[in-house]
Amino acid sequence: MKLPSLILPPLPESPTLDPQLRSWAEYITRYLEDFNQKAKQIPFNQSEELTISDTGTANTQFSITHHLERIPLGYVTLKISNGGIIYDGTSSWTTTTIYLRCTTANANVKILVF
């Protein structure tokens, strides 16, 4: 999931535009552009949705490849095909792979890794 860019229209060039109003509008524009840049750096805004078609045997670690180019901070289960619970595996996560387990066998799972 990517945060969209903030695109603001330029202020009109007008000799009748109050200088104080122009100054205020320019300040707000800079503030919003700065906020947008900072929001893009929030890990949850730099996430990837992944699907695991089969988690395998219950409570057995499985690996999932991601493309975040960094070690993820966490994940959120978006959908699971049975009553299982997804939880952390025992191996350390890397810049390309995370390791999870599921309390039930052969679940189809969708997660958001961030």
N, C-alpha and C. Protein backbone atom coordinates (compact mmCIF):
# COMPACT_ATOMS: atom_id res chain seq x y z
N MET A 1 0.86 -1.16 0.00
CA MET A 1 0.00 0.00 0.00
C MET A 1 0.91 1.22 0.00
N LYS A 2 0.65 2.08 -0.92
CA LYS A 2 1.44 3.30 -1.04
C LYS A 2 0.56 4.51 -0.79
N LEU A 3 1.11 5.48 -0.10
CA LEU A 3 0.40 6.73 0.14
C LEU A 3 0.49 7.58 -1.12
N PRO A 4 -0.63 8.08 -1.62
CA PRO A 4 -0.57 8.90 -2.84
C PRO A 4 0.16 10.21 -2.60
N SER A 5 0.74 10.71 -3.65
CA SER A 5 1.42 12.01 -3.57
C SER A 5 0.40 13.12 -3.37
N LEU A 6 0.81 14.10 -2.62
CA LEU A 6 -0.04 15.26 -2.39
C LEU A 6 0.29 16.29 -3.46
N ILE A 7 -0.67 16.60 -4.31
CA ILE A 7 -0.45 17.56 -5.39
C ILE A 7 -1.33 18.77 -5.11
N LEU A 8 -0.69 19.90 -4.93
CA LEU A 8 -1.41 21.13 -4.64
C LEU A 8 -1.30 22.07 -5.83
N PRO A 9 -2.39 22.74 -6.17
CA PRO A 9 -2.31 23.69 -7.29
C PRO A 9 -1.47 24.90 -6.90
N PRO A 10 -0.80 25.51 -7.87
CA PRO A 10 -0.02 26.72 -7.56
C PRO A 10 -0.96 27.88 -7.22
N LEU A 11 -0.46 28.77 -6.41
CA LEU A 11 -1.24 29.96 -6.08
C LEU A 11 -1.30 30.87 -7.30
N PRO A 12 -2.44 31.48 -7.53
CA PRO A 12 -2.55 32.36 -8.70
C PRO A 12 -1.68 33.61 -8.52
N GLU A 13 -1.08 34.03 -9.61
CA GLU A 13 -0.33 35.28 -9.60
C GLU A 13 -1.35 36.41 -9.81
N SER A 14 -1.52 37.19 -8.79
CA SER A 14 -2.52 38.25 -8.88
C SER A 14 -2.07 39.43 -8.04
N PRO A 15 -2.07 40.62 -8.62
CA PRO A 15 -1.69 41.80 -7.85
C PRO A 15 -2.71 42.13 -6.77
N THR A 16 -3.92 41.56 -6.88
CA THR A 16 -4.95 41.87 -5.89
C THR A 16 -4.99 40.87 -4.73
N LEU A 17 -4.19 39.81 -4.83
CA LEU A 17 -4.16 38.82 -3.75
C LEU A 17 -3.44 39.42 -2.54
N ASP A 18 -4.11 39.46 -1.45
CA ASP A 18 -3.57 40.02 -0.22
C ASP A 18 -2.23 39.34 0.11
N PRO A 19 -1.15 40.10 0.34
CA PRO A 19 0.16 39.51 0.65
C PRO A 19 0.12 38.62 1.89
N GLN A 20 -0.65 38.99 2.88
CA GLN A 20 -0.73 38.17 4.08
C GLN A 20 -1.42 36.84 3.78
N LEU A 21 -2.46 36.87 2.96
CA LEU A 21 -3.15 35.66 2.55
C LEU A 21 -2.22 34.77 1.73
N ARG A 22 -1.46 35.36 0.82
CA ARG A 22 -0.50 34.59 0.02
C ARG A 22 0.54 33.94 0.93
N SER A 23 1.05 34.68 1.89
CA SER A 23 2.05 34.15 2.81
C SER A 23 1.47 32.97 3.60
N TRP A 24 0.26 33.14 4.08
CA TRP A 24 -0.40 32.07 4.83
C TRP A 24 -0.61 30.84 3.95
N ALA A 25 -1.06 31.02 2.72
CA ALA A 25 -1.30 29.91 1.80
C ALA A 25 0.01 29.18 1.46
N GLU A 26 1.10 29.94 1.28
CA GLU A 26 2.39 29.33 1.01
C GLU A 26 2.89 28.52 2.20
N TYR A 27 2.66 29.04 3.41
CA TYR A 27 3.04 28.32 4.62
C TYR A 27 2.26 27.00 4.73
N ILE A 28 0.96 27.05 4.50
CA ILE A 28 0.13 25.85 4.56
C ILE A 28 0.58 24.84 3.50
N THR A 29 0.90 25.30 2.31
CA THR A 29 1.37 24.42 1.24
C THR A 29 2.65 23.71 1.65
N ARG A 30 3.62 24.47 2.19
CA ARG A 30 4.88 23.86 2.65
C ARG A 30 4.63 22.85 3.76
N TYR A 31 3.74 23.20 4.69
CA TYR A 31 3.41 22.31 5.80
C TYR A 31 2.82 20.99 5.28
N LEU A 32 1.87 21.07 4.35
CA LEU A 32 1.24 19.86 3.81
C LEU A 32 2.22 19.01 3.01
N GLU A 33 3.09 19.63 2.25
CA GLU A 33 4.10 18.89 1.50
C GLU A 33 5.06 18.18 2.45
N ASP A 34 5.47 18.84 3.53
CA ASP A 34 6.34 18.23 4.53
C ASP A 34 5.63 17.07 5.22
N PHE A 35 4.37 17.26 5.57
CA PHE A 35 3.58 16.20 6.20
C PHE A 35 3.48 15.00 5.28
N ASN A 36 3.23 15.23 4.00
CA ASN A 36 3.13 14.14 3.02
C ASN A 36 4.42 13.35 2.94
N GLN A 37 5.55 14.03 2.92
CA GLN A 37 6.85 13.34 2.86
C GLN A 37 7.07 12.50 4.11
N LYS A 38 6.73 13.03 5.27
CA LYS A 38 6.90 12.28 6.52
C LYS A 38 5.94 11.09 6.59
N ALA A 39 4.73 11.26 6.11
CA ALA A 39 3.75 10.16 6.13
C ALA A 39 4.20 9.00 5.25
N LYS A 40 4.89 9.29 4.16
CA LYS A 40 5.39 8.23 3.28
C LYS A 40 6.44 7.38 3.98
N GLN A 41 7.08 7.92 5.01
CA GLN A 41 8.14 7.19 5.71
C GLN A 41 7.61 6.31 6.84
N ILE A 42 6.34 6.41 7.17
CA ILE A 42 5.75 5.58 8.21
C ILE A 42 5.72 4.14 7.71
N PRO A 43 6.28 3.18 8.46
CA PRO A 43 6.37 1.80 7.97
C PRO A 43 5.04 1.22 7.50
N PHE A 44 3.94 1.53 8.16
CA PHE A 44 2.66 0.97 7.75
C PHE A 44 2.26 1.47 6.37
N ASN A 45 2.75 2.62 5.96
CA ASN A 45 2.47 3.13 4.62
C ASN A 45 3.40 2.52 3.58
N GLN A 46 4.39 1.77 4.04
CA GLN A 46 5.30 1.06 3.15
C GLN A 46 5.08 -0.43 3.39
N SER A 47 3.95 -0.92 2.98
CA SER A 47 3.56 -2.30 3.26
C SER A 47 3.34 -3.09 1.99
N GLU A 48 3.16 -4.40 2.17
CA GLU A 48 2.92 -5.29 1.04
C GLU A 48 1.90 -6.33 1.45
N GLU A 49 0.90 -6.55 0.61
CA GLU A 49 -0.11 -7.57 0.85
C GLU A 49 0.38 -8.88 0.24
N LEU A 50 0.38 -9.95 1.06
CA LEU A 50 0.89 -11.25 0.61
C LEU A 50 -0.16 -12.32 0.83
N THR A 51 -0.21 -13.30 -0.06
CA THR A 51 -1.13 -14.42 0.06
C THR A 51 -0.34 -15.71 0.23
N ILE A 52 -0.73 -16.50 1.21
CA ILE A 52 -0.14 -17.82 1.44
C ILE A 52 -1.23 -18.82 1.11
N SER A 53 -1.04 -19.60 0.06
CA SER A 53 -2.10 -20.49 -0.40
C SER A 53 -2.26 -21.72 0.50
N ASP A 54 -1.20 -22.12 1.20
CA ASP A 54 -1.29 -23.29 2.08
C ASP A 54 -0.22 -23.17 3.16
N THR A 55 -0.65 -23.07 4.40
CA THR A 55 0.30 -22.93 5.51
C THR A 55 0.95 -24.24 5.92
N GLY A 56 0.48 -25.35 5.36
CA GLY A 56 1.08 -26.66 5.66
C GLY A 56 0.56 -27.23 6.97
N THR A 57 1.39 -28.02 7.63
CA THR A 57 1.04 -28.68 8.89
C THR A 57 0.83 -27.66 10.00
N ALA A 58 -0.15 -27.94 10.87
CA ALA A 58 -0.44 -27.03 11.98
C ALA A 58 0.79 -26.81 12.85
N ASN A 59 0.97 -25.56 13.27
CA ASN A 59 2.05 -25.16 14.18
C ASN A 59 3.45 -25.45 13.66
N THR A 60 3.59 -25.54 12.35
CA THR A 60 4.89 -25.74 11.72
C THR A 60 5.28 -24.47 10.97
N GLN A 61 6.51 -24.05 11.16
CA GLN A 61 6.98 -22.80 10.54
C GLN A 61 6.97 -22.89 9.01
N PHE A 62 6.53 -21.81 8.38
CA PHE A 62 6.62 -21.68 6.92
C PHE A 62 7.20 -20.31 6.62
N SER A 63 7.77 -20.17 5.43
CA SER A 63 8.40 -18.90 5.05
C SER A 63 7.58 -18.19 3.99
N ILE A 64 7.68 -16.87 3.98
CA ILE A 64 6.99 -16.03 3.01
C ILE A 64 7.99 -15.00 2.50
N THR A 65 8.09 -14.89 1.20
CA THR A 65 8.98 -13.91 0.58
C THR A 65 8.25 -12.57 0.44
N HIS A 66 8.93 -11.50 0.79
CA HIS A 66 8.37 -10.16 0.64
C HIS A 66 9.33 -9.30 -0.17
N HIS A 67 8.89 -8.10 -0.53
CA HIS A 67 9.70 -7.21 -1.37
C HIS A 67 9.87 -5.82 -0.76
N LEU A 68 9.91 -5.73 0.55
CA LEU A 68 10.03 -4.44 1.23
C LEU A 68 11.46 -3.90 1.21
N GLU A 69 12.43 -4.75 0.95
CA GLU A 69 13.85 -4.39 0.94
C GLU A 69 14.34 -3.91 2.30
N ARG A 70 13.71 -4.39 3.35
CA ARG A 70 14.12 -4.14 4.74
C ARG A 70 13.48 -5.22 5.60
N ILE A 71 13.93 -5.35 6.83
CA ILE A 71 13.31 -6.30 7.74
C ILE A 71 11.98 -5.71 8.20
N PRO A 72 10.87 -6.41 7.98
CA PRO A 72 9.56 -5.88 8.37
C PRO A 72 9.45 -5.66 9.87
N LEU A 73 8.57 -4.76 10.26
CA LEU A 73 8.30 -4.51 11.67
C LEU A 73 7.18 -5.39 12.20
N GLY A 74 6.29 -5.82 11.31
CA GLY A 74 5.17 -6.65 11.75
C GLY A 74 4.27 -7.03 10.60
N TYR A 75 3.13 -7.59 10.95
CA TYR A 75 2.15 -8.01 9.95
C TYR A 75 0.77 -7.98 10.58
N VAL A 76 -0.24 -7.93 9.72
CA VAL A 76 -1.63 -7.97 10.14
C VAL A 76 -2.30 -9.05 9.30
N THR A 77 -3.04 -9.95 9.95
CA THR A 77 -3.78 -10.96 9.21
C THR A 77 -5.04 -10.31 8.65
N LEU A 78 -5.18 -10.34 7.33
CA LEU A 78 -6.33 -9.74 6.67
C LEU A 78 -7.45 -10.75 6.45
N LYS A 79 -7.07 -12.00 6.19
CA LYS A 79 -8.06 -13.02 5.87
C LYS A 79 -7.44 -14.39 6.13
N ILE A 80 -8.25 -15.31 6.67
CA ILE A 80 -7.79 -16.68 6.87
C ILE A 80 -8.96 -17.61 6.57
N SER A 81 -8.68 -18.72 5.90
CA SER A 81 -9.74 -19.60 5.40
C SER A 81 -10.37 -20.49 6.46
N ASN A 82 -9.74 -20.63 7.61
CA ASN A 82 -10.31 -21.45 8.68
C ASN A 82 -10.12 -20.73 10.02
N GLY A 83 -10.39 -21.39 11.10
CA GLY A 83 -10.34 -20.74 12.41
C GLY A 83 -8.95 -20.62 13.01
N GLY A 84 -7.93 -20.73 12.19
CA GLY A 84 -6.57 -20.69 12.70
C GLY A 84 -6.11 -19.29 13.10
N ILE A 85 -4.99 -19.28 13.80
CA ILE A 85 -4.35 -18.03 14.21
C ILE A 85 -2.93 -18.05 13.66
N ILE A 86 -2.54 -16.96 13.02
CA ILE A 86 -1.19 -16.81 12.50
C ILE A 86 -0.31 -16.23 13.60
N TYR A 87 0.86 -16.80 13.79
CA TYR A 87 1.79 -16.26 14.79
C TYR A 87 3.23 -16.42 14.32
N ASP A 88 4.16 -15.75 15.00
CA ASP A 88 5.56 -15.72 14.59
C ASP A 88 6.20 -17.10 14.62
N GLY A 89 7.08 -17.32 13.63
CA GLY A 89 7.91 -18.51 13.63
C GLY A 89 9.12 -18.29 14.52
N THR A 90 10.04 -19.25 14.51
CA THR A 90 11.21 -19.15 15.39
C THR A 90 12.42 -18.54 14.70
N SER A 91 12.46 -18.55 13.39
CA SER A 91 13.60 -17.99 12.65
C SER A 91 13.52 -16.47 12.59
N SER A 92 14.67 -15.84 12.50
CA SER A 92 14.73 -14.39 12.39
C SER A 92 14.29 -13.95 11.00
N TRP A 93 13.56 -12.85 10.95
CA TRP A 93 13.14 -12.29 9.67
C TRP A 93 14.32 -11.63 8.98
N THR A 94 14.24 -11.59 7.66
CA THR A 94 15.31 -10.97 6.86
C THR A 94 14.72 -9.89 5.96
N THR A 95 15.56 -9.30 5.14
CA THR A 95 15.11 -8.27 4.20
C THR A 95 14.30 -8.85 3.05
N THR A 96 14.19 -10.18 2.97
CA THR A 96 13.42 -10.81 1.89
C THR A 96 12.41 -11.85 2.38
N THR A 97 12.52 -12.30 3.63
CA THR A 97 11.70 -13.42 4.09
C THR A 97 11.23 -13.23 5.53
N ILE A 98 9.97 -13.59 5.79
CA ILE A 98 9.48 -13.68 7.16
C ILE A 98 9.04 -15.13 7.42
N TYR A 99 9.00 -15.50 8.69
CA TYR A 99 8.66 -16.87 9.08
C TYR A 99 7.50 -16.82 10.06
N LEU A 100 6.47 -17.57 9.72
CA LEU A 100 5.25 -17.60 10.53
C LEU A 100 4.82 -19.03 10.77
N ARG A 101 3.82 -19.20 11.64
CA ARG A 101 3.17 -20.49 11.87
C ARG A 101 1.67 -20.25 11.95
N CYS A 102 0.90 -21.32 11.83
CA CYS A 102 -0.56 -21.24 11.91
C CYS A 102 -1.05 -22.38 12.80
N THR A 103 -2.02 -22.09 13.64
CA THR A 103 -2.52 -23.10 14.60
C THR A 103 -3.33 -24.21 13.93
N THR A 104 -3.77 -24.02 12.70
CA THR A 104 -4.49 -25.07 11.97
C THR A 104 -3.76 -25.40 10.68
N ALA A 105 -4.01 -26.57 10.14
CA ALA A 105 -3.33 -27.03 8.92
C ALA A 105 -3.97 -26.46 7.67
N ASN A 106 -3.16 -26.29 6.66
CA ASN A 106 -3.58 -25.99 5.29
C ASN A 106 -4.49 -24.76 5.16
N ALA A 107 -4.20 -23.71 5.89
CA ALA A 107 -4.99 -22.49 5.79
C ALA A 107 -4.56 -21.67 4.58
N ASN A 108 -5.49 -20.98 4.00
CA ASN A 108 -5.22 -20.00 2.95
C ASN A 108 -5.28 -18.64 3.66
N VAL A 109 -4.19 -17.88 3.61
CA VAL A 109 -4.07 -16.68 4.43
C VAL A 109 -3.66 -15.49 3.58
N LYS A 110 -4.19 -14.32 3.91
CA LYS A 110 -3.75 -13.06 3.31
C LYS A 110 -3.28 -12.18 4.45
N ILE A 111 -2.05 -11.66 4.35
CA ILE A 111 -1.50 -10.79 5.40
C ILE A 111 -1.00 -9.50 4.78
N LEU A 112 -0.86 -8.49 5.62
CA LEU A 112 -0.25 -7.22 5.24
C LEU A 112 1.03 -7.11 6.05
N VAL A 113 2.15 -7.12 5.35
CA VAL A 113 3.47 -7.02 6.00
C VAL A 113 3.92 -5.57 5.91
N PHE A 114 4.37 -5.01 7.05
CA PHE A 114 4.83 -3.62 7.04
C PHE A 114 6.13 -3.46 7.79
